[in-house]
Amino acid sequence: MTAVIIDDEIYCTDVIQILLTKHCPEVTIMGIFNNPIIALNYLKHQQPDIIFLDIEMPQMNGFELLNQLDNIISKVIFTTAYNQYAIKAFKFNAVDYLLKPIDKDEMIIAVQKLSTPLVPEIVNHLHNLNLNHVPDKILLPIGNEIIFVQVSNIICCEADGSYCKIYCLDRTYLLSKTLKDIEDMINNPSFFRPHTSWLIQDTYISKIIRGEGMEIVLKGDIKVPVSRNKRQEVLDRFKR
């Protein structure tokens, strides 16, 4: 089988290369990429059997890269330090999801899945996972730290350009993610968007101000505008 390795960290691609060379001799590495844009251009012309793909990368994350590939036949094995993307990864028909630091035995098993007739069963199993799983906490990469945040403590999230503010009961975080990224991570029916730039948890709503410009007031006196096309949806939500 042929493979490419995509990860913005050279150390990580080195580790995967060593593990494959030592323990998976049936895999031939066609290319190693530390820049996802260069990797994307390569994959538009070449289709290896396996793509070992990191998720959190600058310029373009792993999901964005896959979304730009048409008629992809390569099987994807995600390699990441973040476990909150597992459900989303399986929606991309991932063969496996390896958490860093990658264990050699897990790597061997992941590759073996592709060389046995059990692959259709594995894919079906991934599709049958509970895709409505609601996490108790999410992991936020901020600077050199990974912060664990309880979802129940999140009041709301606000889009701020290419960043996102997360207002919690004890503090506010600013991180380089889109509001959609955060919404996917939280995956909780208690959260909804009254405005394209806001994601709020209904638990912390203090009141709704109706008028020319409808507003939702949250705990901590956080005022959130309601888009004109979202007004009826907001009112219906609380009538229920």
C-alpha atoms as a PDB file:
ATOM      1  CA  MET A   1       0.000   0.000   0.000  1.00  0.00           C
ATOM      2  CA  THR A   2       1.108   3.551  -0.668  1.00  0.00           C
ATOM      3  CA  ALA A   3       0.776   6.409   1.806  1.00  0.00           C
ATOM      4  CA  VAL A   4       1.401  10.092   2.410  1.00  0.00           C
ATOM      5  CA  ILE A   5       1.893  11.747   5.786  1.00  0.00           C
ATOM      6  CA  ILE A   6       0.565  15.255   6.448  1.00  0.00           C
ATOM      7  CA  ASP A   7       1.347  17.121   9.669  1.00  0.00           C
ATOM      8  CA  ASP A   8       2.647  20.639  10.213  1.00  0.00           C
ATOM      9  CA  GLU A   9       5.099  19.420  12.884  1.00  0.00           C
ATOM     10  CA  ILE A  10       8.249  17.798  11.506  1.00  0.00           C
ATOM     11  CA  TYR A  11       8.681  15.763  14.684  1.00  0.00           C
ATOM     12  CA  CYS A  12       5.253  14.177  14.174  1.00  0.00           C
ATOM     13  CA  THR A  13       5.845  13.221  10.547  1.00  0.00           C
ATOM     14  CA  ASP A  14       9.211  11.761  11.575  1.00  0.00           C
ATOM     15  CA  VAL A  15       7.544   9.602  14.251  1.00  0.00           C
ATOM     16  CA  ILE A  16       4.903   8.275  11.852  1.00  0.00           C
ATOM     17  CA  GLN A  17       7.547   7.558   9.225  1.00  0.00           C
ATOM     18  CA  ILE A  18       9.648   5.603  11.736  1.00  0.00           C
ATOM     19  CA  LEU A  19       6.644   3.602  12.986  1.00  0.00           C
ATOM     20  CA  LEU A  20       5.580   2.678   9.460  1.00  0.00           C
ATOM     21  CA  THR A  21       9.102   1.760   8.368  1.00  0.00           C
ATOM     22  CA  LYS A  22       9.680  -0.444  11.419  1.00  0.00           C
ATOM     23  CA  HIS A  23       6.301  -2.038  11.926  1.00  0.00           C
ATOM     24  CA  CYS A  24       4.322  -1.744   8.669  1.00  0.00           C
ATOM     25  CA  PRO A  25       6.666  -2.827   5.842  1.00  0.00           C
ATOM     26  CA  GLU A  26       3.669  -3.299   3.532  1.00  0.00           C
ATOM     27  CA  VAL A  27       3.301   0.495   3.405  1.00  0.00           C
ATOM     28  CA  THR A  28       5.389   2.544   0.959  1.00  0.00           C
ATOM     29  CA  ILE A  29       5.605   6.230   1.832  1.00  0.00           C
ATOM     30  CA  MET A  30       5.120   8.351  -1.292  1.00  0.00           C
ATOM     31  CA  GLY A  31       5.391  11.743   0.351  1.00  0.00           C
ATOM     32  CA  ILE A  32       5.735  13.628   3.635  1.00  0.00           C
ATOM     33  CA  PHE A  33       4.220  17.110   3.929  1.00  0.00           C
ATOM     34  CA  ASN A  34       4.496  19.720   6.677  1.00  0.00           C
ATOM     35  CA  ASN A  35       2.510  22.269   4.675  1.00  0.00           C
ATOM     36  CA  PRO A  36      -1.164  21.358   4.082  1.00  0.00           C
ATOM     37  CA  ILE A  37      -1.470  23.577   1.000  1.00  0.00           C
ATOM     38  CA  ILE A  38       1.430  21.810  -0.721  1.00  0.00           C
ATOM     39  CA  ALA A  39      -0.088  18.490   0.355  1.00  0.00           C
ATOM     40  CA  LEU A  40      -3.445  19.486  -1.157  1.00  0.00           C
ATOM     41  CA  ASN A  41      -1.841  20.313  -4.512  1.00  0.00           C
ATOM     42  CA  TYR A  42      -0.089  16.941  -4.476  1.00  0.00           C
ATOM     43  CA  LEU A  43      -3.283  15.023  -3.641  1.00  0.00           C
ATOM     44  CA  LYS A  44      -5.147  16.671  -6.488  1.00  0.00           C
ATOM     45  CA  HIS A  45      -2.880  14.713  -8.844  1.00  0.00           C
ATOM     46  CA  GLN A  46      -1.950  11.641  -6.811  1.00  0.00           C
ATOM     47  CA  GLN A  47      -4.171   9.255  -4.843  1.00  0.00           C
ATOM     48  CA  PRO A  48      -2.258   7.108  -2.363  1.00  0.00           C
ATOM     49  CA  ASP A  49      -3.984   4.208  -0.634  1.00  0.00           C
ATOM     50  CA  ILE A  50      -3.660   5.887   2.782  1.00  0.00           C
ATOM     51  CA  ILE A  51      -3.476   9.461   3.999  1.00  0.00           C
ATOM     52  CA  PHE A  52      -2.128   9.919   7.520  1.00  0.00           C
ATOM     53  CA  LEU A  53      -3.641  13.293   8.314  1.00  0.00           C
ATOM     54  CA  ASP A  54      -3.272  15.726  11.206  1.00  0.00           C
ATOM     55  CA  ILE A  55      -6.305  17.898  12.028  1.00  0.00           C
ATOM     56  CA  GLU A  56      -5.008  21.029  13.732  1.00  0.00           C
ATOM     57  CA  MET A  57      -2.730  22.747  11.202  1.00  0.00           C
ATOM     58  CA  PRO A  58      -2.128  26.394  10.272  1.00  0.00           C
ATOM     59  CA  GLN A  59      -3.490  27.756   6.970  1.00  0.00           C
ATOM     60  CA  MET A  60      -5.789  24.755   6.508  1.00  0.00           C
ATOM     61  CA  ASN A  61      -6.957  22.046   8.906  1.00  0.00           C
ATOM     62  CA  GLY A  62      -7.359  18.407   7.955  1.00  0.00           C
ATOM     63  CA  PHE A  63     -11.111  18.604   7.400  1.00  0.00           C
ATOM     64  CA  GLU A  64     -10.761  21.657   5.150  1.00  0.00           C
ATOM     65  CA  LEU A  65      -8.123  19.825   3.122  1.00  0.00           C
ATOM     66  CA  LEU A  66     -10.402  16.820   2.557  1.00  0.00           C
ATOM     67  CA  ASN A  67     -13.316  19.067   1.624  1.00  0.00           C
ATOM     68  CA  GLN A  68     -11.264  20.436  -1.264  1.00  0.00           C
ATOM     69  CA  LEU A  69     -10.548  17.027  -2.759  1.00  0.00           C
ATOM     70  CA  ASP A  70     -13.013  15.705  -5.327  1.00  0.00           C
ATOM     71  CA  ASN A  71     -13.684  11.984  -5.768  1.00  0.00           C
ATOM     72  CA  ILE A  72     -11.091  10.970  -3.228  1.00  0.00           C
ATOM     73  CA  ILE A  73     -10.524   7.213  -3.017  1.00  0.00           C
ATOM     74  CA  SER A  74      -7.691   7.302  -0.478  1.00  0.00           C
ATOM     75  CA  LYS A  75      -8.459   5.973   3.003  1.00  0.00           C
ATOM     76  CA  VAL A  76      -7.824   8.421   5.819  1.00  0.00           C
ATOM     77  CA  ILE A  77      -6.219   7.704   9.173  1.00  0.00           C
ATOM     78  CA  PHE A  78      -6.380  10.814  11.333  1.00  0.00           C
ATOM     79  CA  THR A  79      -3.447  11.518  13.659  1.00  0.00           C
ATOM     80  CA  THR A  80      -4.112  14.219  16.233  1.00  0.00           C
ATOM     81  CA  ALA A  81      -3.564  15.319  19.807  1.00  0.00           C
ATOM     82  CA  TYR A  82      -7.228  16.264  20.239  1.00  0.00           C
ATOM     83  CA  ASN A  83      -9.905  13.683  20.974  1.00  0.00           C
ATOM     84  CA  GLN A  84     -12.895  16.010  20.500  1.00  0.00           C
ATOM     85  CA  TYR A  85     -12.780  15.644  16.702  1.00  0.00           C
ATOM     86  CA  ALA A  86     -13.337  11.884  16.675  1.00  0.00           C
ATOM     87  CA  ILE A  87     -17.035  11.972  15.782  1.00  0.00           C
ATOM     88  CA  LYS A  88     -16.471  14.498  12.996  1.00  0.00           C
ATOM     89  CA  ALA A  89     -13.541  12.433  11.693  1.00  0.00           C
ATOM     90  CA  PHE A  90     -15.742   9.363  11.388  1.00  0.00           C
ATOM     91  CA  LYS A  91     -18.199  11.394   9.323  1.00  0.00           C
ATOM     92  CA  PHE A  92     -15.361  11.620   6.782  1.00  0.00           C
ATOM     93  CA  ASN A  93     -15.280   7.791   6.677  1.00  0.00           C
ATOM     94  CA  ALA A  94     -12.007   7.690   8.572  1.00  0.00           C
ATOM     95  CA  VAL A  95     -10.542   4.206   8.877  1.00  0.00           C
ATOM     96  CA  ASP A  96      -9.059   5.103  12.243  1.00  0.00           C
ATOM     97  CA  TYR A  97      -8.329   7.964  14.604  1.00  0.00           C
ATOM     98  CA  LEU A  98      -4.940   7.811  16.327  1.00  0.00           C
ATOM     99  CA  LEU A  99      -4.242  10.049  19.291  1.00  0.00           C
ATOM    100  CA  LYS A 100      -0.745  11.431  19.790  1.00  0.00           C
ATOM    101  CA  PRO A 101       1.645  10.219  21.037  1.00  0.00           C
ATOM    102  CA  ILE A 102       0.876   7.435  18.603  1.00  0.00           C
ATOM    103  CA  ASP A 103       1.173   3.914  19.947  1.00  0.00           C
ATOM    104  CA  LYS A 104       2.898   1.468  17.589  1.00  0.00           C
ATOM    105  CA  ASP A 105       0.327  -1.268  18.219  1.00  0.00           C
ATOM    106  CA  GLU A 106      -2.533   1.089  17.368  1.00  0.00           C
ATOM    107  CA  MET A 107      -0.699   2.094  14.192  1.00  0.00           C
ATOM    108  CA  ILE A 108      -0.288  -1.562  13.191  1.00  0.00           C
ATOM    109  CA  ILE A 109      -3.987  -2.269  13.811  1.00  0.00           C
ATOM    110  CA  ALA A 110      -5.031   0.790  11.805  1.00  0.00           C
ATOM    111  CA  VAL A 111      -2.966  -0.311   8.799  1.00  0.00           C
ATOM    112  CA  GLN A 112      -4.162  -3.914   9.093  1.00  0.00           C
ATOM    113  CA  LYS A 113      -7.756  -2.737   8.809  1.00  0.00           C
ATOM    114  CA  LEU A 114      -6.953  -1.692   5.251  1.00  0.00           C
ATOM    115  CA  SER A 115      -5.422  -5.016   4.266  1.00  0.00           C
ATOM    116  CA  THR A 116      -8.296  -7.250   5.448  1.00  0.00           C
ATOM    117  CA  PRO A 117     -11.826  -7.841   4.117  1.00  0.00           C
ATOM    118  CA  LEU A 118     -13.192  -6.374   7.342  1.00  0.00           C
ATOM    119  CA  VAL A 119     -12.924  -2.784   6.103  1.00  0.00           C
ATOM    120  CA  PRO A 120     -16.625  -2.501   5.065  1.00  0.00           C
ATOM    121  CA  GLU A 121     -17.660  -3.743   8.511  1.00  0.00           C
ATOM    122  CA  ILE A 122     -15.388  -1.194  10.164  1.00  0.00           C
ATOM    123  CA  VAL A 123     -16.789   1.641   8.058  1.00  0.00           C
ATOM    124  CA  ASN A 124     -20.344   0.563   8.871  1.00  0.00           C
ATOM    125  CA  HIS A 125     -19.463   0.458  12.539  1.00  0.00           C
ATOM    126  CA  LEU A 126     -18.144   4.030  12.388  1.00  0.00           C
ATOM    127  CA  HIS A 127     -21.332   5.180  10.679  1.00  0.00           C
ATOM    128  CA  ASN A 128     -23.389   3.533  13.407  1.00  0.00           C
ATOM    129  CA  LEU A 129     -21.597   5.356  16.207  1.00  0.00           C
ATOM    130  CA  ASN A 130     -23.688   7.715  18.285  1.00  0.00           C
ATOM    131  CA  LEU A 131     -23.067  10.880  16.276  1.00  0.00           C
ATOM    132  CA  ASN A 132     -25.193  12.814  18.767  1.00  0.00           C
ATOM    133  CA  HIS A 133     -22.660  12.311  21.545  1.00  0.00           C
ATOM    134  CA  VAL A 134     -22.625  15.377  23.789  1.00  0.00           C
ATOM    135  CA  PRO A 135     -19.195  15.914  25.437  1.00  0.00           C
ATOM    136  CA  ASP A 136     -18.949  17.029  29.068  1.00  0.00           C
ATOM    137  CA  LYS A 137     -15.817  19.035  28.318  1.00  0.00           C
ATOM    138  CA  ILE A 138     -13.881  20.368  25.356  1.00  0.00           C
ATOM    139  CA  LEU A 139     -10.170  20.990  24.898  1.00  0.00           C
ATOM    140  CA  LEU A 140      -9.061  24.457  23.822  1.00  0.00           C
ATOM    141  CA  PRO A 141      -5.541  24.932  22.359  1.00  0.00           C
ATOM    142  CA  ILE A 142      -4.438  28.331  23.645  1.00  0.00           C
ATOM    143  CA  GLY A 143      -0.790  29.268  23.127  1.00  0.00           C
ATOM    144  CA  ASN A 144       1.357  26.478  24.518  1.00  0.00           C
ATOM    145  CA  GLU A 145      -1.458  25.145  26.681  1.00  0.00           C
ATOM    146  CA  ILE A 146      -4.439  22.874  26.198  1.00  0.00           C
ATOM    147  CA  ILE A 147      -7.249  24.069  28.461  1.00  0.00           C
ATOM    148  CA  PHE A 148      -9.993  21.680  29.583  1.00  0.00           C
ATOM    149  CA  VAL A 149     -13.316  23.520  29.773  1.00  0.00           C
ATOM    150  CA  GLN A 150     -16.569  22.097  31.125  1.00  0.00           C
ATOM    151  CA  VAL A 151     -19.306  22.655  28.558  1.00  0.00           C
ATOM    152  CA  SER A 152     -21.776  23.379  31.381  1.00  0.00           C
ATOM    153  CA  ASN A 153     -19.626  26.413  32.337  1.00  0.00           C
ATOM    154  CA  ILE A 154     -19.755  28.004  28.887  1.00  0.00           C
ATOM    155  CA  ILE A 155     -22.170  30.921  28.761  1.00  0.00           C
ATOM    156  CA  CYS A 156     -21.695  31.837  25.110  1.00  0.00           C
ATOM    157  CA  CYS A 157     -19.214  32.110  22.256  1.00  0.00           C
ATOM    158  CA  GLU A 158     -18.655  35.107  19.990  1.00  0.00           C
ATOM    159  CA  ALA A 159     -16.986  35.237  16.584  1.00  0.00           C
ATOM    160  CA  ASP A 160     -14.228  37.844  16.489  1.00  0.00           C
ATOM    161  CA  GLY A 161     -12.704  37.921  13.015  1.00  0.00           C
ATOM    162  CA  SER A 162     -10.586  34.794  12.613  1.00  0.00           C
ATOM    163  CA  TYR A 163     -10.766  34.267  16.381  1.00  0.00           C
ATOM    164  CA  CYS A 164     -13.479  33.199  18.778  1.00  0.00           C
ATOM    165  CA  LYS A 165     -14.216  34.403  22.311  1.00  0.00           C
ATOM    166  CA  ILE A 166     -15.551  31.844  24.750  1.00  0.00           C
ATOM    167  CA  TYR A 167     -17.276  33.366  27.772  1.00  0.00           C
ATOM    168  CA  CYS A 168     -17.231  31.011  30.753  1.00  0.00           C
ATOM    169  CA  LEU A 169     -18.436  31.442  34.324  1.00  0.00           C
ATOM    170  CA  ASP A 170     -14.918  32.061  35.620  1.00  0.00           C
ATOM    171  CA  ARG A 171     -13.083  33.663  32.679  1.00  0.00           C
ATOM    172  CA  THR A 172     -13.061  34.443  28.946  1.00  0.00           C
ATOM    173  CA  TYR A 173     -10.840  32.670  26.409  1.00  0.00           C
ATOM    174  CA  LEU A 174      -9.711  33.906  23.012  1.00  0.00           C
ATOM    175  CA  LEU A 175      -8.506  31.336  20.537  1.00  0.00           C
ATOM    176  CA  SER A 176      -7.779  30.986  16.847  1.00  0.00           C
ATOM    177  CA  LYS A 177     -10.842  28.993  15.799  1.00  0.00           C
ATOM    178  CA  THR A 178     -14.037  29.759  13.947  1.00  0.00           C
ATOM    179  CA  LEU A 179     -17.385  29.804  15.690  1.00  0.00           C
ATOM    180  CA  LYS A 180     -18.391  26.785  13.570  1.00  0.00           C
ATOM    181  CA  ASP A 181     -15.379  24.861  14.908  1.00  0.00           C
ATOM    182  CA  ILE A 182     -16.489  25.555  18.476  1.00  0.00           C
ATOM    183  CA  GLU A 183     -20.102  24.684  17.700  1.00  0.00           C
ATOM    184  CA  ASP A 184     -19.011  21.322  16.277  1.00  0.00           C
ATOM    185  CA  MET A 185     -16.852  20.631  19.323  1.00  0.00           C
ATOM    186  CA  ILE A 186     -19.643  21.452  21.798  1.00  0.00           C
ATOM    187  CA  ASN A 187     -22.342  19.587  19.819  1.00  0.00           C
ATOM    188  CA  ASN A 188     -24.965  20.321  22.476  1.00  0.00           C
ATOM    189  CA  PRO A 189     -28.690  20.995  21.910  1.00  0.00           C
ATOM    190  CA  SER A 190     -28.671  23.552  24.757  1.00  0.00           C
ATOM    191  CA  PHE A 191     -26.608  25.824  22.502  1.00  0.00           C
ATOM    192  CA  PHE A 192     -28.052  27.706  19.566  1.00  0.00           C
ATOM    193  CA  ARG A 193     -27.252  30.651  17.309  1.00  0.00           C
ATOM    194  CA  PRO A 194     -29.524  33.692  17.605  1.00  0.00           C
ATOM    195  CA  HIS A 195     -27.050  35.538  15.362  1.00  0.00           C
ATOM    196  CA  THR A 196     -24.351  34.433  12.910  1.00  0.00           C
ATOM    197  CA  SER A 197     -21.672  35.769  15.268  1.00  0.00           C
ATOM    198  CA  TRP A 198     -23.001  34.240  18.488  1.00  0.00           C
ATOM    199  CA  LEU A 199     -23.503  30.777  19.970  1.00  0.00           C
ATOM    200  CA  ILE A 200     -25.262  30.820  23.339  1.00  0.00           C
ATOM    201  CA  GLN A 201     -26.303  28.322  26.004  1.00  0.00           C
ATOM    202  CA  ASP A 202     -29.979  28.772  26.860  1.00  0.00           C
ATOM    203  CA  THR A 203     -29.311  27.835  30.507  1.00  0.00           C
ATOM    204  CA  TYR A 204     -27.762  31.263  31.087  1.00  0.00           C
ATOM    205  CA  ILE A 205     -30.451  33.429  29.492  1.00  0.00           C
ATOM    206  CA  SER A 206     -31.670  36.087  31.930  1.00  0.00           C
ATOM    207  CA  LYS A 207     -34.210  37.773  29.698  1.00  0.00           C
ATOM    208  CA  ILE A 208     -35.223  38.591  26.136  1.00  0.00           C
ATOM    209  CA  ILE A 209     -35.734  42.213  25.165  1.00  0.00           C
ATOM    210  CA  ARG A 210     -38.218  42.600  22.325  1.00  0.00           C
ATOM    211  CA  GLY A 211     -38.458  45.668  20.163  1.00  0.00           C
ATOM    212  CA  GLU A 212     -36.906  47.152  17.040  1.00  0.00           C
ATOM    213  CA  GLY A 213     -33.693  45.309  17.772  1.00  0.00           C
ATOM    214  CA  MET A 214     -34.321  42.148  19.789  1.00  0.00           C
ATOM    215  CA  GLU A 215     -31.652  41.225  22.335  1.00  0.00           C
ATOM    216  CA  ILE A 216     -30.941  38.294  24.601  1.00  0.00           C
ATOM    217  CA  VAL A 217     -29.365  39.141  27.943  1.00  0.00           C
ATOM    218  CA  LEU A 218     -27.191  36.414  29.423  1.00  0.00           C
ATOM    219  CA  LYS A 219     -25.655  35.874  32.839  1.00  0.00           C
ATOM    220  CA  GLY A 220     -23.018  38.528  33.506  1.00  0.00           C
ATOM    221  CA  ASP A 221     -25.109  41.088  31.620  1.00  0.00           C
ATOM    222  CA  ILE A 222     -23.805  39.859  28.258  1.00  0.00           C
ATOM    223  CA  LYS A 223     -26.066  41.311  25.564  1.00  0.00           C
ATOM    224  CA  VAL A 224     -26.484  39.272  22.387  1.00  0.00           C
ATOM    225  CA  PRO A 225     -28.284  40.651  19.298  1.00  0.00           C
ATOM    226  CA  VAL A 226     -30.908  38.519  17.593  1.00  0.00           C
ATOM    227  CA  SER A 227     -30.848  38.511  13.799  1.00  0.00           C
ATOM    228  CA  ARG A 228     -34.072  39.588  12.158  1.00  0.00           C
ATOM    229  CA  ASN A 229     -34.456  36.186  10.497  1.00  0.00           C
ATOM    230  CA  LYS A 230     -33.875  34.403  13.828  1.00  0.00           C
ATOM    231  CA  ARG A 231     -36.475  36.245  15.914  1.00  0.00           C
ATOM    232  CA  GLN A 232     -39.361  33.845  15.423  1.00  0.00           C
ATOM    233  CA  GLU A 233     -37.071  30.860  15.917  1.00  0.00           C
ATOM    234  CA  VAL A 234     -35.900  32.302  19.258  1.00  0.00           C
ATOM    235  CA  LEU A 235     -39.471  32.959  20.434  1.00  0.00           C
ATOM    236  CA  ASP A 236     -40.645  29.504  19.304  1.00  0.00           C
ATOM    237  CA  ARG A 237     -37.736  27.882  21.115  1.00  0.00           C
ATOM    238  CA  PHE A 238     -38.863  29.249  24.445  1.00  0.00           C
ATOM    239  CA  LYS A 239     -42.551  28.720  23.831  1.00  0.00           C
ATOM    240  CA  ARG A 240     -41.707  25.029  23.668  1.00  0.00           C
END
